[in-house]
Amino acid sequence: MTVYRHQVSGFFENPAEGRGAVSALLERRIPRERMQLLADGSATAGADRRDRRRATMASDAVANGHVVLLVETRTPEETAIVRGVMQGAVANIREADLAFPSPAAAGLAAIDRPAPAR
C-alpha cells in the first residue's frame, strides 16, 4: 500500500499573512498538528541531504524577514485545499512529495506551535 505524504510550503511576507493562512486551513479542517509556521531561521545542521535543500530555502526566506508555513497533506484533496488557501493568501508556494522535514532538524524555530496533545 502506498502512503500519500505531500508537503506544501508557503512563503509569506509577514507573520500575520502566515497566521491568516493557518486560520483559513483550520476552517477547512486541516489538522493544526500538521502545520508549522516558521521564523528566525538559522543553520541546517542535522538535516539530511533532501531536507537540507528545503531547509536552506526556508532558512533563506526567514533570514530575509519572511515566514514559512509548512503543511503536511495526506490526500490529494488536502493538497488541493492547502494549495488553494496559500494561493489565495498570496504566498509563494513550493511542493514536495517527500517526507515532512523536522523544523528542528532544519534549524528553524516555530513561531506558532500547537499545544501538545493530551
N, C-alpha and C. Protein backbone atom coordinates (compact mmCIF):
# COMPACT_ATOMS: atom_id res chain seq x y z
N MET A 1 0.85 -1.19 0.00
CA MET A 1 0.00 0.00 0.00
C MET A 1 0.89 1.24 0.00
N THR A 2 0.59 2.17 -0.87
CA THR A 2 1.34 3.41 -0.95
C THR A 2 0.74 4.44 0.00
N VAL A 3 1.61 5.06 0.77
CA VAL A 3 1.18 6.10 1.71
C VAL A 3 1.36 7.45 1.04
N TYR A 4 0.33 8.26 1.04
CA TYR A 4 0.39 9.60 0.45
C TYR A 4 0.87 10.58 1.51
N ARG A 5 2.01 11.18 1.28
CA ARG A 5 2.52 12.25 2.15
C ARG A 5 3.06 13.32 1.23
N HIS A 6 2.51 14.47 1.34
CA HIS A 6 2.89 15.59 0.48
C HIS A 6 3.14 16.79 1.37
N GLN A 7 4.05 17.64 0.97
CA GLN A 7 4.31 18.86 1.72
C GLN A 7 4.08 20.06 0.82
N VAL A 8 3.32 21.01 1.33
CA VAL A 8 3.14 22.28 0.65
C VAL A 8 3.76 23.33 1.55
N SER A 9 4.64 24.14 0.98
CA SER A 9 5.32 25.20 1.73
C SER A 9 4.90 26.54 1.16
N GLY A 10 4.45 27.42 2.02
CA GLY A 10 4.08 28.78 1.60
C GLY A 10 5.03 29.79 2.22
N PHE A 11 5.47 30.73 1.42
CA PHE A 11 6.40 31.77 1.87
C PHE A 11 5.64 33.09 1.92
N PHE A 12 5.57 33.68 3.12
CA PHE A 12 4.76 34.87 3.35
C PHE A 12 5.63 36.06 3.72
N GLU A 13 5.16 37.23 3.40
CA GLU A 13 5.89 38.46 3.70
C GLU A 13 5.99 38.74 5.19
N ASN A 14 4.96 38.35 5.95
CA ASN A 14 4.98 38.66 7.39
C ASN A 14 4.17 37.61 8.16
N PRO A 15 4.36 37.56 9.48
CA PRO A 15 3.65 36.56 10.30
C PRO A 15 2.12 36.66 10.20
N ALA A 16 1.58 37.85 10.07
CA ALA A 16 0.12 38.00 10.01
C ALA A 16 -0.45 37.26 8.81
N GLU A 17 0.22 37.33 7.67
CA GLU A 17 -0.26 36.62 6.48
C GLU A 17 -0.19 35.11 6.69
N GLY A 18 0.89 34.65 7.30
CA GLY A 18 1.03 33.22 7.57
C GLY A 18 -0.03 32.73 8.54
N ARG A 19 -0.28 33.51 9.59
CA ARG A 19 -1.31 33.13 10.57
C ARG A 19 -2.70 33.15 9.94
N GLY A 20 -2.92 34.08 9.02
CA GLY A 20 -4.20 34.10 8.31
C GLY A 20 -4.41 32.83 7.50
N ALA A 21 -3.35 32.35 6.87
CA ALA A 21 -3.43 31.09 6.11
C ALA A 21 -3.70 29.92 7.06
N VAL A 22 -3.06 29.91 8.23
CA VAL A 22 -3.30 28.85 9.22
C VAL A 22 -4.78 28.86 9.61
N SER A 23 -5.33 30.03 9.89
CA SER A 23 -6.75 30.13 10.27
C SER A 23 -7.66 29.60 9.16
N ALA A 24 -7.36 29.98 7.93
CA ALA A 24 -8.17 29.51 6.79
C ALA A 24 -8.08 28.00 6.64
N LEU A 25 -6.91 27.42 6.87
CA LEU A 25 -6.76 25.97 6.77
C LEU A 25 -7.50 25.26 7.90
N LEU A 26 -7.46 25.84 9.09
CA LEU A 26 -8.22 25.26 10.20
C LEU A 26 -9.71 25.24 9.90
N GLU A 27 -10.20 26.30 9.29
CA GLU A 27 -11.62 26.37 8.91
C GLU A 27 -11.97 25.29 7.89
N ARG A 28 -10.98 24.86 7.13
CA ARG A 28 -11.20 23.82 6.12
C ARG A 28 -10.81 22.43 6.65
N ARG A 29 -10.66 22.34 7.96
CA ARG A 29 -10.42 21.08 8.67
C ARG A 29 -9.07 20.42 8.38
N ILE A 30 -8.07 21.23 8.09
CA ILE A 30 -6.71 20.70 8.02
C ILE A 30 -6.18 20.70 9.46
N PRO A 31 -5.74 19.55 9.98
CA PRO A 31 -5.31 19.48 11.38
C PRO A 31 -4.13 20.39 11.69
N ARG A 32 -4.22 21.13 12.78
CA ARG A 32 -3.19 22.07 13.19
C ARG A 32 -1.84 21.39 13.43
N GLU A 33 -1.88 20.16 13.92
CA GLU A 33 -0.62 19.48 14.21
C GLU A 33 0.19 19.15 12.95
N ARG A 34 -0.40 19.32 11.77
CA ARG A 34 0.34 19.11 10.53
C ARG A 34 0.75 20.43 9.87
N MET A 35 0.63 21.52 10.62
CA MET A 35 1.06 22.84 10.13
C MET A 35 2.15 23.39 11.03
N GLN A 36 3.13 24.04 10.42
CA GLN A 36 4.17 24.70 11.18
C GLN A 36 4.48 26.04 10.52
N LEU A 37 4.37 27.10 11.29
CA LEU A 37 4.68 28.44 10.82
C LEU A 37 6.05 28.79 11.39
N LEU A 38 7.02 29.01 10.52
CA LEU A 38 8.41 29.13 10.93
C LEU A 38 8.97 30.52 10.71
N ALA A 39 9.88 30.90 11.62
CA ALA A 39 10.61 32.17 11.51
C ALA A 39 11.94 32.02 12.22
N ASP A 40 12.75 33.07 12.14
CA ASP A 40 14.03 33.11 12.84
C ASP A 40 14.92 31.93 12.48
N GLY A 41 15.10 31.69 11.19
CA GLY A 41 15.90 30.57 10.73
C GLY A 41 17.37 30.71 11.08
N SER A 42 18.01 29.58 11.14
CA SER A 42 19.45 29.55 11.36
C SER A 42 20.04 28.46 10.51
N ALA A 43 20.94 27.69 11.06
CA ALA A 43 21.66 26.67 10.30
C ALA A 43 20.77 25.49 9.96
N THR A 44 21.25 24.67 9.05
CA THR A 44 20.53 23.47 8.66
C THR A 44 21.18 22.23 9.27
N ALA A 45 21.90 22.39 10.34
CA ALA A 45 22.60 21.26 10.96
C ALA A 45 21.62 20.16 11.33
N GLY A 46 22.01 18.93 11.07
CA GLY A 46 21.19 17.80 11.43
C GLY A 46 20.22 17.36 10.36
N ALA A 47 20.02 18.16 9.34
CA ALA A 47 19.09 17.78 8.28
C ALA A 47 19.80 16.85 7.30
N ASP A 48 19.07 15.85 6.78
CA ASP A 48 19.69 15.02 5.76
C ASP A 48 19.72 15.78 4.44
N ARG A 49 20.32 15.22 3.43
CA ARG A 49 20.53 15.94 2.16
C ARG A 49 19.23 16.46 1.58
N ARG A 50 18.20 15.63 1.55
CA ARG A 50 16.91 16.02 0.98
C ARG A 50 16.29 17.15 1.80
N ASP A 51 16.31 17.01 3.13
CA ASP A 51 15.75 18.05 3.98
C ASP A 51 16.59 19.32 3.94
N ARG A 52 17.89 19.18 3.80
CA ARG A 52 18.79 20.34 3.83
C ARG A 52 18.46 21.32 2.70
N ARG A 53 18.15 20.78 1.52
CA ARG A 53 17.82 21.65 0.38
C ARG A 53 16.57 22.48 0.70
N ARG A 54 15.54 21.82 1.23
CA ARG A 54 14.30 22.53 1.58
C ARG A 54 14.53 23.44 2.77
N ALA A 55 15.32 22.97 3.73
CA ALA A 55 15.60 23.78 4.92
C ALA A 55 16.37 25.03 4.55
N THR A 56 17.28 24.91 3.60
CA THR A 56 18.05 26.08 3.16
C THR A 56 17.12 27.12 2.53
N MET A 57 16.17 26.65 1.72
CA MET A 57 15.21 27.57 1.11
C MET A 57 14.40 28.29 2.18
N ALA A 58 13.92 27.53 3.18
CA ALA A 58 13.14 28.13 4.27
C ALA A 58 14.01 29.06 5.11
N SER A 59 15.24 28.63 5.41
CA SER A 59 16.14 29.48 6.21
C SER A 59 16.44 30.79 5.50
N ASP A 60 16.66 30.73 4.20
CA ASP A 60 16.92 31.94 3.43
C ASP A 60 15.72 32.89 3.49
N ALA A 61 14.53 32.31 3.38
CA ALA A 61 13.32 33.15 3.42
C ALA A 61 13.17 33.84 4.77
N VAL A 62 13.31 33.08 5.86
CA VAL A 62 13.11 33.70 7.16
C VAL A 62 14.26 34.63 7.53
N ALA A 63 15.46 34.36 7.01
CA ALA A 63 16.58 35.26 7.24
C ALA A 63 16.35 36.62 6.59
N ASN A 64 15.49 36.63 5.57
CA ASN A 64 15.14 37.87 4.88
C ASN A 64 13.82 38.46 5.36
N GLY A 65 13.37 38.03 6.56
CA GLY A 65 12.20 38.63 7.17
C GLY A 65 10.87 38.00 6.81
N HIS A 66 10.88 36.91 6.07
CA HIS A 66 9.64 36.23 5.71
C HIS A 66 9.33 35.13 6.71
N VAL A 67 8.14 34.57 6.61
CA VAL A 67 7.78 33.40 7.39
C VAL A 67 7.41 32.29 6.41
N VAL A 68 7.55 31.06 6.87
CA VAL A 68 7.28 29.90 6.02
C VAL A 68 6.24 29.04 6.73
N LEU A 69 5.21 28.69 6.00
CA LEU A 69 4.20 27.77 6.52
C LEU A 69 4.39 26.43 5.83
N LEU A 70 4.68 25.40 6.61
CA LEU A 70 4.82 24.03 6.11
C LEU A 70 3.56 23.28 6.48
N VAL A 71 2.97 22.61 5.50
CA VAL A 71 1.76 21.84 5.76
C VAL A 71 1.93 20.45 5.16
N GLU A 72 1.77 19.45 5.99
CA GLU A 72 1.78 18.07 5.51
C GLU A 72 0.37 17.68 5.14
N THR A 73 0.20 17.17 3.93
CA THR A 73 -1.11 16.70 3.50
C THR A 73 -1.06 15.19 3.32
N ARG A 74 -2.21 14.56 3.49
CA ARG A 74 -2.26 13.10 3.44
C ARG A 74 -3.16 12.57 2.33
N THR A 75 -3.81 13.49 1.61
CA THR A 75 -4.63 13.08 0.46
C THR A 75 -4.47 14.13 -0.63
N PRO A 76 -4.72 13.76 -1.88
CA PRO A 76 -4.68 14.75 -2.96
C PRO A 76 -5.68 15.89 -2.72
N GLU A 77 -6.81 15.57 -2.08
CA GLU A 77 -7.81 16.60 -1.80
C GLU A 77 -7.27 17.63 -0.81
N GLU A 78 -6.59 17.16 0.25
CA GLU A 78 -5.98 18.10 1.19
C GLU A 78 -4.93 18.96 0.50
N THR A 79 -4.16 18.36 -0.37
CA THR A 79 -3.14 19.13 -1.10
C THR A 79 -3.79 20.25 -1.90
N ALA A 80 -4.88 19.95 -2.56
CA ALA A 80 -5.59 20.96 -3.35
C ALA A 80 -6.14 22.07 -2.45
N ILE A 81 -6.67 21.71 -1.29
CA ILE A 81 -7.20 22.70 -0.35
C ILE A 81 -6.08 23.62 0.11
N VAL A 82 -4.95 23.03 0.53
CA VAL A 82 -3.84 23.83 1.05
C VAL A 82 -3.29 24.73 -0.05
N ARG A 83 -3.11 24.19 -1.23
CA ARG A 83 -2.60 24.98 -2.36
C ARG A 83 -3.53 26.17 -2.63
N GLY A 84 -4.83 25.92 -2.63
CA GLY A 84 -5.79 26.99 -2.89
C GLY A 84 -5.75 28.08 -1.83
N VAL A 85 -5.67 27.68 -0.56
CA VAL A 85 -5.61 28.67 0.52
C VAL A 85 -4.34 29.50 0.41
N MET A 86 -3.22 28.85 0.16
CA MET A 86 -1.96 29.59 0.08
C MET A 86 -1.94 30.52 -1.12
N GLN A 87 -2.48 30.07 -2.24
CA GLN A 87 -2.54 30.95 -3.41
C GLN A 87 -3.45 32.14 -3.13
N GLY A 88 -4.54 31.91 -2.41
CA GLY A 88 -5.44 32.99 -2.04
C GLY A 88 -4.82 33.96 -1.07
N ALA A 89 -3.85 33.49 -0.30
CA ALA A 89 -3.16 34.35 0.67
C ALA A 89 -1.94 35.02 0.06
N VAL A 90 -1.77 34.85 -1.24
CA VAL A 90 -0.67 35.45 -1.99
C VAL A 90 0.70 34.98 -1.48
N ALA A 91 0.80 33.71 -1.23
CA ALA A 91 2.08 33.13 -0.82
C ALA A 91 2.81 32.61 -2.04
N ASN A 92 4.13 32.60 -1.96
CA ASN A 92 4.93 31.87 -2.93
C ASN A 92 4.92 30.43 -2.45
N ILE A 93 4.58 29.48 -3.32
CA ILE A 93 4.34 28.11 -2.91
C ILE A 93 5.41 27.17 -3.47
N ARG A 94 5.83 26.22 -2.65
CA ARG A 94 6.72 25.13 -3.06
C ARG A 94 6.07 23.84 -2.59
N GLU A 95 6.23 22.78 -3.39
CA GLU A 95 5.66 21.50 -3.03
C GLU A 95 6.69 20.40 -3.17
N ALA A 96 6.50 19.34 -2.40
CA ALA A 96 7.39 18.20 -2.47
C ALA A 96 6.65 16.93 -2.10
N ASP A 97 6.90 15.86 -2.84
CA ASP A 97 6.37 14.55 -2.50
C ASP A 97 7.42 13.79 -1.70
N LEU A 98 7.84 14.40 -0.60
CA LEU A 98 8.89 13.83 0.24
C LEU A 98 8.42 13.81 1.67
N ALA A 99 9.20 13.15 2.52
CA ALA A 99 8.86 13.12 3.94
C ALA A 99 8.85 14.54 4.49
N PHE A 100 7.98 14.80 5.41
CA PHE A 100 7.85 16.10 6.05
C PHE A 100 9.08 16.40 6.88
N PRO A 101 9.80 17.51 6.61
CA PRO A 101 11.03 17.78 7.35
C PRO A 101 10.75 18.24 8.78
N SER A 102 11.65 17.94 9.64
CA SER A 102 11.56 18.40 11.02
C SER A 102 12.11 19.81 11.10
N PRO A 103 11.35 20.79 11.60
CA PRO A 103 11.88 22.15 11.73
C PRO A 103 13.14 22.19 12.60
N ALA A 104 13.18 21.37 13.64
CA ALA A 104 14.36 21.36 14.50
C ALA A 104 15.57 20.89 13.70
N ALA A 105 15.40 19.88 12.88
CA ALA A 105 16.50 19.39 12.05
C ALA A 105 16.89 20.45 11.03
N ALA A 106 15.94 21.28 10.64
CA ALA A 106 16.22 22.32 9.67
C ALA A 106 16.80 23.57 10.32
N GLY A 107 16.89 23.60 11.64
CA GLY A 107 17.43 24.76 12.33
C GLY A 107 16.47 25.92 12.39
N LEU A 108 15.17 25.65 12.33
CA LEU A 108 14.17 26.71 12.34
C LEU A 108 13.36 26.65 13.63
N ALA A 109 12.92 27.80 14.07
CA ALA A 109 12.10 27.88 15.28
C ALA A 109 10.66 28.14 14.89
N ALA A 110 9.75 27.38 15.45
CA ALA A 110 8.32 27.59 15.19
C ALA A 110 7.86 28.83 15.94
N ILE A 111 7.13 29.70 15.24
CA ILE A 111 6.62 30.89 15.90
C ILE A 111 5.17 30.72 16.32
N ASP A 112 4.54 29.67 15.85
CA ASP A 112 3.13 29.46 16.14
C ASP A 112 2.91 27.96 16.26
N ARG A 113 3.36 27.38 17.36
CA ARG A 113 3.34 25.92 17.55
C ARG A 113 2.06 25.54 18.27
N PRO A 114 1.41 24.42 17.82
CA PRO A 114 0.20 23.98 18.53
C PRO A 114 0.55 23.42 19.90
N ALA A 115 -0.41 23.48 20.78
CA ALA A 115 -0.22 22.90 22.11
C ALA A 115 -0.11 21.39 21.99
N PRO A 116 0.73 20.76 22.80
CA PRO A 116 0.84 19.29 22.74
C PRO A 116 -0.50 18.61 23.03
N ALA A 117 -0.76 17.53 22.32
CA ALA A 117 -1.99 16.77 22.55
C ALA A 117 -1.88 16.04 23.87
N ARG A 118 -3.00 15.93 24.57
CA ARG A 118 -3.01 15.24 25.87
C ARG A 118 -3.79 13.97 25.77
